[in-house]
PDB file of N, CA and C in Angstrom:
ATOM      1  N   MET A   1       3.349   4.736   3.371  1.00  0.00           N
ATOM      2  CA  MET A   1       2.560   5.209   2.271  1.00  0.00           C
ATOM      3  C   MET A   1       2.051   6.604   2.581  1.00  0.00           C
ATOM      4  N   LEU A   2       2.157   7.512   1.648  1.00  0.00           N
ATOM      5  CA  LEU A   2       1.746   8.889   1.829  1.00  0.00           C
ATOM      6  C   LEU A   2       0.235   8.992   1.754  1.00  0.00           C
ATOM      7  N   ASN A   3      -0.358   9.642   2.740  1.00  0.00           N
ATOM      8  CA  ASN A   3      -1.810   9.850   2.769  1.00  0.00           C
ATOM      9  C   ASN A   3      -2.112  11.312   2.480  1.00  0.00           C
ATOM     10  N   ALA A   4      -3.303  11.581   2.027  1.00  0.00           N
ATOM     11  CA  ALA A   4      -3.766  12.954   1.909  1.00  0.00           C
ATOM     12  C   ALA A   4      -3.909  13.517   3.319  1.00  0.00           C
ATOM     13  N   ILE A   5      -3.603  14.787   3.491  1.00  0.00           N
ATOM     14  CA  ILE A   5      -3.726  15.416   4.799  1.00  0.00           C
ATOM     15  C   ILE A   5      -5.156  15.916   4.939  1.00  0.00           C
ATOM     16  N   LEU A   6      -5.910  15.297   5.820  1.00  0.00           N
ATOM     17  CA  LEU A   6      -7.295  15.663   6.051  1.00  0.00           C
ATOM     18  C   LEU A   6      -7.382  16.559   7.272  1.00  0.00           C
ATOM     19  N   PRO A   7      -8.388  17.438   7.351  1.00  0.00           N
ATOM     20  CA  PRO A   7      -8.519  18.306   8.527  1.00  0.00           C
ATOM     21  C   PRO A   7      -8.589  17.523   9.830  1.00  0.00           C
ATOM     22  N   ALA A   8      -9.233  16.352   9.817  1.00  0.00           N
ATOM     23  CA  ALA A   8      -9.375  15.566  11.039  1.00  0.00           C
ATOM     24  C   ALA A   8      -8.085  14.841  11.415  1.00  0.00           C
ATOM     25  N   ASP A   9      -7.163  14.695  10.478  1.00  0.00           N
ATOM     26  CA  ASP A   9      -5.928  13.959  10.738  1.00  0.00           C
ATOM     27  C   ASP A   9      -4.814  14.606   9.929  1.00  0.00           C
ATOM     28  N   ARG A  10      -3.949  15.348  10.581  1.00  0.00           N
ATOM     29  CA  ARG A  10      -2.905  16.085   9.882  1.00  0.00           C
ATOM     30  C   ARG A  10      -1.665  15.245   9.601  1.00  0.00           C
ATOM     31  N   ARG A  11      -1.682  13.968   9.928  1.00  0.00           N
ATOM     32  CA  ARG A  11      -0.532  13.108   9.676  1.00  0.00           C
ATOM     33  C   ARG A  11      -0.347  12.878   8.184  1.00  0.00           C
ATOM     34  N   MET A  12       0.913  12.875   7.767  1.00  0.00           N
ATOM     35  CA  MET A  12       1.233  12.602   6.371  1.00  0.00           C
ATOM     36  C   MET A  12       1.452  11.115   6.120  1.00  0.00           C
ATOM     37  N   TYR A  13       1.759  10.350   7.174  1.00  0.00           N
ATOM     38  CA  TYR A  13       2.082   8.931   7.023  1.00  0.00           C
ATOM     39  C   TYR A  13       1.205   8.090   7.949  1.00  0.00           C
ATOM     40  N   ASN A  14       0.937   6.867   7.542  1.00  0.00           N
ATOM     41  CA  ASN A  14       0.186   5.935   8.379  1.00  0.00           C
ATOM     42  C   ASN A  14       0.955   5.632   9.645  1.00  0.00           C
ATOM     43  N   ARG A  15       0.251   5.252  10.683  1.00  0.00           N
ATOM     44  CA  ARG A  15       0.859   4.809  11.931  1.00  0.00           C
ATOM     45  C   ARG A  15       0.517   3.347  12.149  1.00  0.00           C
ATOM     46  N   THR A  16       1.447   2.607  12.740  1.00  0.00           N
ATOM     47  CA  THR A  16       1.264   1.194  13.053  1.00  0.00           C
ATOM     48  C   THR A  16       1.246   1.026  14.571  1.00  0.00           C
ATOM     49  N   PRO A  17       0.248   0.342  15.114  1.00  0.00           N
ATOM     50  CA  PRO A  17       0.239   0.092  16.553  1.00  0.00           C
ATOM     51  C   PRO A  17       1.471  -0.717  16.957  1.00  0.00           C
ATOM     52  N   CYS A  18       2.015  -0.416  18.130  1.00  0.00           N
ATOM     53  CA  CYS A  18       3.167  -1.166  18.625  1.00  0.00           C
ATOM     54  C   CYS A  18       3.244  -1.019  20.143  1.00  0.00           C
ATOM     55  N   ASP A  19       4.196  -1.705  20.737  1.00  0.00           N
ATOM     56  CA  ASP A  19       4.421  -1.638  22.175  1.00  0.00           C
ATOM     57  C   ASP A  19       5.926  -1.748  22.401  1.00  0.00           C
ATOM     58  N   LEU A  20       6.611  -0.612  22.300  1.00  0.00           N
ATOM     59  CA  LEU A  20       8.067  -0.554  22.462  1.00  0.00           C
ATOM     60  C   LEU A  20       8.422   0.384  23.605  1.00  0.00           C
ATOM     61  N   HIS A  21       9.349  -0.028  24.441  1.00  0.00           N
ATOM     62  CA  HIS A  21       9.823   0.857  25.505  1.00  0.00           C
ATOM     63  C   HIS A  21      10.656   1.979  24.881  1.00  0.00           C
ATOM     64  N   ALA A  22      10.561   3.176  25.455  1.00  0.00           N
ATOM     65  CA  ALA A  22      11.387   4.299  25.007  1.00  0.00           C
ATOM     66  C   ALA A  22      11.646   5.227  26.180  1.00  0.00           C
ATOM     67  N   ASP A  23      12.850   5.784  26.212  1.00  0.00           N
ATOM     68  CA  ASP A  23      13.166   6.877  27.128  1.00  0.00           C
ATOM     69  C   ASP A  23      13.200   8.144  26.301  1.00  0.00           C
ATOM     70  N   VAL A  24      12.624   9.218  26.835  1.00  0.00           N
ATOM     71  CA  VAL A  24      12.552  10.498  26.139  1.00  0.00           C
ATOM     72  C   VAL A  24      13.277  11.525  26.987  1.00  0.00           C
ATOM     73  N   ASP A  25      14.301  12.156  26.410  1.00  0.00           N
ATOM     74  CA  ASP A  25      15.117  13.152  27.102  1.00  0.00           C
ATOM     75  C   ASP A  25      14.871  14.510  26.446  1.00  0.00           C
ATOM     76  N   ASP A  26      14.416  15.483  27.242  1.00  0.00           N
ATOM     77  CA  ASP A  26      14.180  16.825  26.697  1.00  0.00           C
ATOM     78  C   ASP A  26      15.292  17.804  27.087  1.00  0.00           C
ATOM     79  N   TYR A  27      16.454  17.283  27.414  1.00  0.00           N
ATOM     80  CA  TYR A  27      17.654  18.028  27.790  1.00  0.00           C
ATOM     81  C   TYR A  27      17.559  18.609  29.200  1.00  0.00           C
ATOM     82  N   GLU A  28      16.427  18.408  29.882  1.00  0.00           N
ATOM     83  CA  GLU A  28      16.280  18.813  31.284  1.00  0.00           C
ATOM     84  C   GLU A  28      15.845  17.631  32.140  1.00  0.00           C
ATOM     85  N   ASP A  29      14.926  16.833  31.606  1.00  0.00           N
ATOM     86  CA  ASP A  29      14.394  15.662  32.301  1.00  0.00           C
ATOM     87  C   ASP A  29      14.376  14.477  31.350  1.00  0.00           C
ATOM     88  N   THR A  30      14.337  13.269  31.928  1.00  0.00           N
ATOM     89  CA  THR A  30      14.187  12.054  31.139  1.00  0.00           C
ATOM     90  C   THR A  30      12.910  11.366  31.590  1.00  0.00           C
ATOM     91  N   TYR A  31      12.092  10.971  30.615  1.00  0.00           N
ATOM     92  CA  TYR A  31      10.819  10.316  30.864  1.00  0.00           C
ATOM     93  C   TYR A  31      10.876   8.909  30.292  1.00  0.00           C
ATOM     94  N   SER A  32      10.220   7.974  30.961  1.00  0.00           N
ATOM     95  CA  SER A  32      10.149   6.606  30.484  1.00  0.00           C
ATOM     96  C   SER A  32       8.731   6.342  30.000  1.00  0.00           C
ATOM     97  N   GLY A  33       8.598   5.637  28.875  1.00  0.00           N
ATOM     98  CA  GLY A  33       7.265   5.386  28.350  1.00  0.00           C
ATOM     99  C   GLY A  33       7.227   4.239  27.373  1.00  0.00           C
ATOM    100  N   GLN A  34       6.055   4.067  26.763  1.00  0.00           N
ATOM    101  CA  GLN A  34       5.824   3.021  25.777  1.00  0.00           C
ATOM    102  C   GLN A  34       5.347   3.674  24.482  1.00  0.00           C
ATOM    103  N   ILE A  35       6.010   3.344  23.381  1.00  0.00           N
ATOM    104  CA  ILE A  35       5.557   3.814  22.076  1.00  0.00           C
ATOM    105  C   ILE A  35       4.336   2.973  21.721  1.00  0.00           C
ATOM    106  N   ARG A  36       3.197   3.634  21.509  1.00  0.00           N
ATOM    107  CA  ARG A  36       1.938   2.935  21.229  1.00  0.00           C
ATOM    108  C   ARG A  36       1.594   2.922  19.749  1.00  0.00           C
ATOM    109  N   ASN A  37       2.094   3.909  18.985  1.00  0.00           N
ATOM    110  CA  ASN A  37       1.988   3.832  17.533  1.00  0.00           C
ATOM    111  C   ASN A  37       3.165   4.546  16.928  1.00  0.00           C
ATOM    112  N   LEU A  38       3.546   4.082  15.737  1.00  0.00           N
ATOM    113  CA  LEU A  38       4.794   4.505  15.130  1.00  0.00           C
ATOM    114  C   LEU A  38       4.616   4.568  13.622  1.00  0.00           C
ATOM    115  N   GLY A  39       5.166   5.591  13.008  1.00  0.00           N
ATOM    116  CA  GLY A  39       5.122   5.728  11.562  1.00  0.00           C
ATOM    117  C   GLY A  39       6.381   6.391  11.062  1.00  0.00           C
ATOM    118  N   LYS A  40       6.458   6.590   9.776  1.00  0.00           N
ATOM    119  CA  LYS A  40       7.639   7.204   9.173  1.00  0.00           C
ATOM    120  C   LYS A  40       7.868   8.624   9.693  1.00  0.00           C
ATOM    121  N   GLY A  41       6.803   9.333  10.023  1.00  0.00           N
ATOM    122  CA  GLY A  41       6.932  10.729  10.418  1.00  0.00           C
ATOM    123  C   GLY A  41       6.926  11.016  11.899  1.00  0.00           C
ATOM    124  N   GLY A  42       6.496  10.040  12.736  1.00  0.00           N
ATOM    125  CA  GLY A  42       6.416  10.335  14.158  1.00  0.00           C
ATOM    126  C   GLY A  42       5.878   9.175  14.960  1.00  0.00           C
ATOM    127  N   ALA A  43       5.540   9.474  16.229  1.00  0.00           N
ATOM    128  CA  ALA A  43       5.087   8.430  17.140  1.00  0.00           C
ATOM    129  C   ALA A  43       4.244   9.033  18.258  1.00  0.00           C
ATOM    130  N   TYR A  44       3.450   8.165  18.886  1.00  0.00           N
ATOM    131  CA  TYR A  44       2.761   8.515  20.128  1.00  0.00           C
ATOM    132  C   TYR A  44       3.416   7.716  21.236  1.00  0.00           C
ATOM    133  N   ILE A  45       3.842   8.404  22.296  1.00  0.00           N
ATOM    134  CA  ILE A  45       4.514   7.755  23.415  1.00  0.00           C
ATOM    135  C   ILE A  45       3.655   7.951  24.656  1.00  0.00           C
ATOM    136  N   GLU A  46       3.163   6.850  25.195  1.00  0.00           N
ATOM    137  CA  GLU A  46       2.374   6.892  26.420  1.00  0.00           C
ATOM    138  C   GLU A  46       3.329   6.992  27.600  1.00  0.00           C
ATOM    139  N   MET A  47       3.131   7.999  28.447  1.00  0.00           N
ATOM    140  CA  MET A  47       4.012   8.213  29.593  1.00  0.00           C
ATOM    141  C   MET A  47       3.190   8.698  30.777  1.00  0.00           C
ATOM    142  N   MET A  48       3.541   8.249  31.946  1.00  0.00           N
ATOM    143  CA  MET A  48       2.974   8.803  33.165  1.00  0.00           C
ATOM    144  C   MET A  48       3.999   9.810  33.690  1.00  0.00           C
ATOM    145  N   MET A  49       3.593  11.073  33.778  1.00  0.00           N
ATOM    146  CA  MET A  49       4.542  12.102  34.147  1.00  0.00           C
ATOM    147  C   MET A  49       3.833  13.217  34.896  1.00  0.00           C
ATOM    148  N   ASN A  50       4.578  13.864  35.771  1.00  0.00           N
ATOM    149  CA  ASN A  50       4.046  15.015  36.496  1.00  0.00           C
ATOM    150  C   ASN A  50       4.086  16.261  35.625  1.00  0.00           C
ATOM    151  N   THR A  51       5.131  16.394  34.845  1.00  0.00           N
ATOM    152  CA  THR A  51       5.253  17.492  33.890  1.00  0.00           C
ATOM    153  C   THR A  51       5.649  16.877  32.560  1.00  0.00           C
ATOM    154  N   GLU A  52       5.277  17.513  31.481  1.00  0.00           N
ATOM    155  CA  GLU A  52       5.628  16.984  30.171  1.00  0.00           C
ATOM    156  C   GLU A  52       6.454  18.008  29.408  1.00  0.00           C
ATOM    157  N   PRO A  53       7.230  17.551  28.421  1.00  0.00           N
ATOM    158  CA  PRO A  53       7.978  18.498  27.589  1.00  0.00           C
ATOM    159  C   PRO A  53       7.007  19.431  26.874  1.00  0.00           C
ATOM    160  N   GLU A  54       7.398  20.674  26.697  1.00  0.00           N
ATOM    161  CA  GLU A  54       6.510  21.636  26.044  1.00  0.00           C
ATOM    162  C   GLU A  54       6.429  21.388  24.538  1.00  0.00           C
ATOM    163  N   ILE A  55       5.320  21.779  23.945  1.00  0.00           N
ATOM    164  CA  ILE A  55       5.118  21.640  22.506  1.00  0.00           C
ATOM    165  C   ILE A  55       6.199  22.434  21.773  1.00  0.00           C
ATOM    166  N   GLY A  56       6.789  21.825  20.748  1.00  0.00           N
ATOM    167  CA  GLY A  56       7.853  22.457  19.975  1.00  0.00           C
ATOM    168  C   GLY A  56       9.256  22.141  20.476  1.00  0.00           C
ATOM    169  N   ARG A  57       9.359  21.534  21.641  1.00  0.00           N
ATOM    170  CA  ARG A  57      10.668  21.230  22.221  1.00  0.00           C
ATOM    171  C   ARG A  57      11.301  20.023  21.533  1.00  0.00           C
ATOM    172  N   GLU A  58      12.600  20.106  21.278  1.00  0.00           N
ATOM    173  CA  GLU A  58      13.336  18.974  20.724  1.00  0.00           C
ATOM    174  C   GLU A  58      13.598  17.968  21.831  1.00  0.00           C
ATOM    175  N   VAL A  59      13.452  16.682  21.492  1.00  0.00           N
ATOM    176  CA  VAL A  59      13.712  15.599  22.435  1.00  0.00           C
ATOM    177  C   VAL A  59      14.557  14.530  21.751  1.00  0.00           C
ATOM    178  N   ILE A  60      15.186  13.711  22.562  1.00  0.00           N
ATOM    179  CA  ILE A  60      15.939  12.551  22.083  1.00  0.00           C
ATOM    180  C   ILE A  60      15.227  11.308  22.605  1.00  0.00           C
ATOM    181  N   MET A  61      14.820  10.436  21.682  1.00  0.00           N
ATOM    182  CA  MET A  61      14.189   9.167  22.048  1.00  0.00           C
ATOM    183  C   MET A  61      15.242   8.066  21.980  1.00  0.00           C
ATOM    184  N   THR A  62      15.317   7.254  23.022  1.00  0.00           N
ATOM    185  CA  THR A  62      16.208   6.101  23.039  1.00  0.00           C
ATOM    186  C   THR A  62      15.342   4.850  23.147  1.00  0.00           C
ATOM    187  N   ILE A  63      15.492   3.961  22.154  1.00  0.00           N
ATOM    188  CA  ILE A  63      14.694   2.740  22.088  1.00  0.00           C
ATOM    189  C   ILE A  63      15.642   1.545  22.126  1.00  0.00           C
ATOM    190  N   PRO A  64      15.626   0.760  23.210  1.00  0.00           N
ATOM    191  CA  PRO A  64      16.510  -0.415  23.265  1.00  0.00           C
ATOM    192  C   PRO A  64      15.973  -1.563  22.411  1.00  0.00           C
ATOM    193  N   PHE A  65      16.884  -2.331  21.833  1.00  0.00           N
ATOM    194  CA  PHE A  65      16.511  -3.549  21.118  1.00  0.00           C
ATOM    195  C   PHE A  65      16.370  -4.669  22.135  1.00  0.00           C
ATOM    196  N   LYS A  66      15.333  -5.484  21.996  1.00  0.00           N
ATOM    197  CA  LYS A  66      15.103  -6.571  22.952  1.00  0.00           C
ATOM    198  C   LYS A  66      16.085  -7.715  22.767  1.00  0.00           C
ATOM    199  N   THR A  67      16.559  -7.930  21.543  1.00  0.00           N
ATOM    200  CA  THR A  67      17.399  -9.093  21.275  1.00  0.00           C
ATOM    201  C   THR A  67      18.887  -8.776  21.213  1.00  0.00           C
ATOM    202  N   ARG A  68      19.244  -7.497  21.344  1.00  0.00           N
ATOM    203  CA  ARG A  68      20.660  -7.117  21.287  1.00  0.00           C
ATOM    204  C   ARG A  68      20.963  -6.098  22.369  1.00  0.00           C
ATOM    205  N   ALA A  69      22.223  -5.856  22.584  1.00  0.00           N
ATOM    206  CA  ALA A  69      22.638  -4.879  23.583  1.00  0.00           C
ATOM    207  C   ALA A  69      22.656  -3.458  23.015  1.00  0.00           C
ATOM    208  N   ASN A  70      22.226  -3.269  21.769  1.00  0.00           N
ATOM    209  CA  ASN A  70      22.230  -1.949  21.132  1.00  0.00           C
ATOM    210  C   ASN A  70      20.907  -1.230  21.340  1.00  0.00           C
ATOM    211  N   TYR A  71      20.860   0.001  20.891  1.00  0.00           N
ATOM    212  CA  TYR A  71      19.651   0.800  20.984  1.00  0.00           C
ATOM    213  C   TYR A  71      19.614   1.788  19.830  1.00  0.00           C
ATOM    214  N   LEU A  72      18.433   2.309  19.569  1.00  0.00           N
ATOM    215  CA  LEU A  72      18.207   3.276  18.513  1.00  0.00           C
ATOM    216  C   LEU A  72      17.985   4.644  19.142  1.00  0.00           C
ATOM    217  N   ILE A  73      18.635   5.674  18.605  1.00  0.00           N
ATOM    218  CA  ILE A  73      18.467   7.044  19.098  1.00  0.00           C
ATOM    219  C   ILE A  73      17.849   7.872  17.981  1.00  0.00           C
ATOM    220  N   ILE A  74      16.739   8.557  18.293  1.00  0.00           N
ATOM    221  CA  ILE A  74      16.024   9.356  17.308  1.00  0.00           C
ATOM    222  C   ILE A  74      15.770  10.749  17.863  1.00  0.00           C
ATOM    223  N   LYS A  75      16.088  11.777  17.067  1.00  0.00           N
ATOM    224  CA  LYS A  75      15.736  13.151  17.435  1.00  0.00           C
ATOM    225  C   LYS A  75      14.313  13.420  16.968  1.00  0.00           C
ATOM    226  N   ALA A  76      13.547  14.101  17.806  1.00  0.00           N
ATOM    227  CA  ALA A  76      12.155  14.398  17.479  1.00  0.00           C
ATOM    228  C   ALA A  76      11.768  15.744  18.083  1.00  0.00           C
ATOM    229  N   ARG A  77      10.602  16.219  17.681  1.00  0.00           N
ATOM    230  CA  ARG A  77      10.045  17.460  18.238  1.00  0.00           C
ATOM    231  C   ARG A  77       8.652  17.141  18.760  1.00  0.00           C
ATOM    232  N   VAL A  78       8.331  17.666  19.949  1.00  0.00           N
ATOM    233  CA  VAL A  78       7.026  17.436  20.550  1.00  0.00           C
ATOM    234  C   VAL A  78       5.971  18.181  19.732  1.00  0.00           C
ATOM    235  N   ALA A  79       4.994  17.433  19.191  1.00  0.00           N
ATOM    236  CA  ALA A  79       3.929  18.016  18.379  1.00  0.00           C
ATOM    237  C   ALA A  79       2.697  18.332  19.220  1.00  0.00           C
ATOM    238  N   TRP A  80       2.433  17.501  20.238  1.00  0.00           N
ATOM    239  CA  TRP A  80       1.298  17.721  21.123  1.00  0.00           C
ATOM    240  C   TRP A  80       1.515  16.959  22.421  1.00  0.00           C
ATOM    241  N   THR A  81       0.804  17.370  23.454  1.00  0.00           N
ATOM    242  CA  THR A  81       0.900  16.708  24.752  1.00  0.00           C
ATOM    243  C   THR A  81      -0.506  16.410  25.274  1.00  0.00           C
ATOM    244  N   ALA A  82      -0.594  15.410  26.114  1.00  0.00           N
ATOM    245  CA  ALA A  82      -1.827  15.046  26.804  1.00  0.00           C
ATOM    246  C   ALA A  82      -1.429  14.524  28.179  1.00  0.00           C
ATOM    247  N   LYS A  83      -2.406  14.319  29.049  1.00  0.00           N
ATOM    248  CA  LYS A  83      -2.062  13.880  30.413  1.00  0.00           C
ATOM    249  C   LYS A  83      -1.420  12.505  30.439  1.00  0.00           C
ATOM    250  N   ASP A  84      -1.631  11.699  29.373  1.00  0.00           N
ATOM    251  CA  ASP A  84      -1.098  10.335  29.366  1.00  0.00           C
ATOM    252  C   ASP A  84       0.024  10.122  28.361  1.00  0.00           C
ATOM    253  N   GLY A  85       0.523  11.194  27.715  1.00  0.00           N
ATOM    254  CA  GLY A  85       1.625  10.998  26.780  1.00  0.00           C
ATOM    255  C   GLY A  85       1.846  12.172  25.854  1.00  0.00           C
ATOM    256  N   ILE A  86       2.716  11.945  24.865  1.00  0.00           N
ATOM    257  CA  ILE A  86       3.061  12.987  23.901  1.00  0.00           C
ATOM    258  C   ILE A  86       3.075  12.413  22.486  1.00  0.00           C
ATOM    259  N   GLY A  87       2.854  13.277  21.530  1.00  0.00           N
ATOM    260  CA  GLY A  87       3.029  12.942  20.122  1.00  0.00           C
ATOM    261  C   GLY A  87       4.270  13.658  19.629  1.00  0.00           C
ATOM    262  N   VAL A  88       5.116  12.963  18.892  1.00  0.00           N
ATOM    263  CA  VAL A  88       6.350  13.571  18.387  1.00  0.00           C
ATOM    264  C   VAL A  88       6.442  13.428  16.875  1.00  0.00           C
ATOM    265  N   THR A  89       7.117  14.380  16.276  1.00  0.00           N
ATOM    266  CA  THR A  89       7.449  14.357  14.861  1.00  0.00           C
ATOM    267  C   THR A  89       8.950  14.147  14.752  1.00  0.00           C
ATOM    268  N   PHE A  90       9.374  13.189  13.955  1.00  0.00           N
ATOM    269  CA  PHE A  90      10.799  12.912  13.825  1.00  0.00           C
ATOM    270  C   PHE A  90      11.495  14.033  13.057  1.00  0.00           C
ATOM    271  N   LEU A  91      12.726  14.343  13.488  1.00  0.00           N
ATOM    272  CA  LEU A  91      13.535  15.366  12.826  1.00  0.00           C
ATOM    273  C   LEU A  91      14.526  14.692  11.901  1.00  0.00           C
ATOM    274  N   LYS A  92      14.758  15.299  10.769  1.00  0.00           N
ATOM    275  CA  LYS A  92      15.734  14.778   9.817  1.00  0.00           C
ATOM    276  C   LYS A  92      17.069  15.456  10.069  1.00  0.00           C
ATOM    277  N   GLU A  93      18.120  14.644  10.079  1.00  0.00           N
ATOM    278  CA  GLU A  93      19.476  15.171  10.232  1.00  0.00           C
ATOM    279  C   GLU A  93      19.901  15.857   8.941  1.00  0.00           C
ATOM    280  N   GLN A  94      20.557  16.982   9.056  1.00  0.00           N
ATOM    281  CA  GLN A  94      21.077  17.704   7.891  1.00  0.00           C
ATOM    282  C   GLN A  94      22.502  17.249   7.620  1.00  0.00           C
ATOM    283  N   SER A  95      22.814  16.877   6.386  1.00  0.00           N
ATOM    284  CA  SER A  95      24.181  16.482   6.009  1.00  0.00           C
ATOM    285  C   SER A  95      25.063  17.708   5.996  1.00  0.00           C
ATOM    286  N   GLN A  96      26.302  17.527   6.415  1.00  0.00           N
ATOM    287  CA  GLN A  96      27.241  18.667   6.419  1.00  0.00           C
ATOM    288  C   GLN A  96      28.316  18.488   5.411  1.00  0.00           C
TER     289      GLN A  96
END
């Protein structure tokens, strides 16, 4: 559901709490973490890391399915970083 963008919260979409494993690859390093909230536009991924991807950097998130041998791959951009994780905005693929 689309929300009004308030100064205190710039998100356009609601987030749902969750606990999903994800690997985040920034094309130089791969980080392992837990998705703590997820919405149509992005996610917060809790990660313990010595260095984090820089803001604005494109990353690839890989999320394994618990009940199948498949996984979901999502392109995203780092929106913000903190000592315990990152916030990402999902990127839309352009049709060719």
